[in-house]
């Protein structure tokens, strides 16, 4: 398995001017110590508008931040809880 974005099982939807997005990024970097970085593709609305819009529409995503588990299609929208984020990423 190569380490390309398409093989990563999780997608983090983020965008500019989003305090909750910054909180989630800090949570992934600090308490979780980057443990899931190799498993998460970051899709940034302003930097990758086409890919972001396509995947967001396919999963009826209306807000950021959100985490998507590609294999199951599950979305985690409640990203403010460390326990919920860790549980989602270890499914």
Protein backbone atom coordinates (compact mmCIF):
# COMPACT_ATOMS: atom_id res chain seq x y z
CA UNK A 1 0.00 0.00 0.00
CA UNK A 2 1.47 3.34 -0.99
CA UNK A 3 1.19 6.42 1.17
CA UNK A 4 -0.90 8.47 -1.24
CA UNK A 5 -3.90 10.47 -0.16
CA UNK A 6 -6.30 8.08 -1.87
CA UNK A 7 -5.16 5.19 0.34
CA UNK A 8 -5.66 7.06 3.58
CA UNK A 9 -8.83 5.82 5.30
CA UNK A 10 -9.75 9.19 6.84
CA UNK A 11 -10.38 12.64 5.40
CA UNK A 12 -10.30 15.84 7.46
CA UNK A 13 -12.47 18.58 5.96
CA UNK A 14 -11.19 22.03 6.94
CA UNK A 15 -11.26 25.65 5.77
CA UNK A 16 -10.00 29.14 6.49
CA UNK A 17 -11.53 31.25 9.27
CA UNK A 18 -12.71 28.16 11.18
CA UNK A 19 -11.85 28.16 14.91
CA UNK A 20 -13.21 24.63 15.37
CA UNK A 21 -10.96 23.43 12.52
CA UNK A 22 -7.93 24.86 14.31
CA UNK A 23 -9.02 23.22 17.56
CA UNK A 24 -9.32 19.83 15.85
CA UNK A 25 -5.91 20.22 14.19
CA UNK A 26 -4.34 21.04 17.57
CA UNK A 27 -6.08 18.04 19.12
CA UNK A 28 -4.66 15.74 16.45
CA UNK A 29 -1.17 17.23 16.85
CA UNK A 30 -0.91 17.55 20.63
CA UNK A 31 -3.00 15.16 22.77
CA UNK A 32 -2.97 12.51 20.02
CA UNK A 33 0.67 13.37 19.17
CA UNK A 34 0.19 12.99 15.41
CA UNK A 35 -0.52 9.27 15.85
CA UNK A 36 -3.07 9.33 13.02
CA UNK A 37 -1.33 11.75 10.62
CA UNK A 38 -0.40 9.02 8.12
CA UNK A 39 -4.03 7.87 8.01
CA UNK A 40 -5.66 11.28 7.42
CA UNK A 41 -5.91 13.17 4.16
CA UNK A 42 -6.50 16.88 4.82
CA UNK A 43 -8.91 18.50 2.37
CA UNK A 44 -8.85 22.28 2.64
CA UNK A 45 -11.80 24.13 1.09
CA UNK A 46 -9.77 27.11 -0.19
CA UNK A 47 -6.65 25.16 -1.24
CA UNK A 48 -8.41 22.23 -2.95
CA UNK A 49 -11.87 23.57 -3.88
CA UNK A 50 -12.69 20.97 -6.53
CA UNK A 51 -11.79 17.90 -4.50
CA UNK A 52 -13.34 19.39 -1.37
CA UNK A 53 -16.63 20.21 -3.09
CA UNK A 54 -16.86 16.83 -4.80
CA UNK A 55 -16.28 14.77 -1.65
CA UNK A 56 -18.35 17.09 0.55
CA UNK A 57 -21.29 16.84 -1.84
CA UNK A 58 -20.98 13.06 -2.10
CA UNK A 59 -21.33 12.82 1.69
CA UNK A 60 -23.85 15.66 2.16
CA UNK A 61 -21.35 17.59 4.28
CA UNK A 62 -22.65 21.02 5.25
CA UNK A 63 -20.04 22.24 7.75
CA UNK A 64 -16.47 21.96 8.87
CA UNK A 65 -14.58 20.54 10.56
CA UNK A 66 -15.55 16.98 9.87
CA UNK A 67 -13.81 13.64 9.65
CA UNK A 68 -14.82 11.07 7.05
CA UNK A 69 -14.05 7.35 7.29
CA UNK A 70 -13.75 6.43 3.60
CA UNK A 71 -14.38 2.65 3.87
CA UNK A 72 -17.66 3.02 5.77
CA UNK A 73 -18.72 6.49 4.58
CA UNK A 74 -19.29 7.54 8.20
CA UNK A 75 -18.90 11.21 9.09
CA UNK A 76 -17.87 12.58 12.48
CA UNK A 77 -19.24 16.10 12.90
CA UNK A 78 -18.87 16.32 16.69
CA UNK A 79 -15.12 16.93 16.62
CA UNK A 80 -14.90 18.90 19.87
CA UNK A 81 -14.46 15.84 22.08
CA UNK A 82 -11.07 14.14 22.25
CA UNK A 83 -12.76 10.86 23.21
CA UNK A 84 -15.12 10.97 20.22
CA UNK A 85 -12.32 11.84 17.77
CA UNK A 86 -10.01 9.10 19.10
CA UNK A 87 -12.81 6.50 19.06
CA UNK A 88 -13.68 7.45 15.46
CA UNK A 89 -10.05 7.21 14.33
CA UNK A 90 -9.53 3.82 15.96
CA UNK A 91 -12.63 2.15 14.50
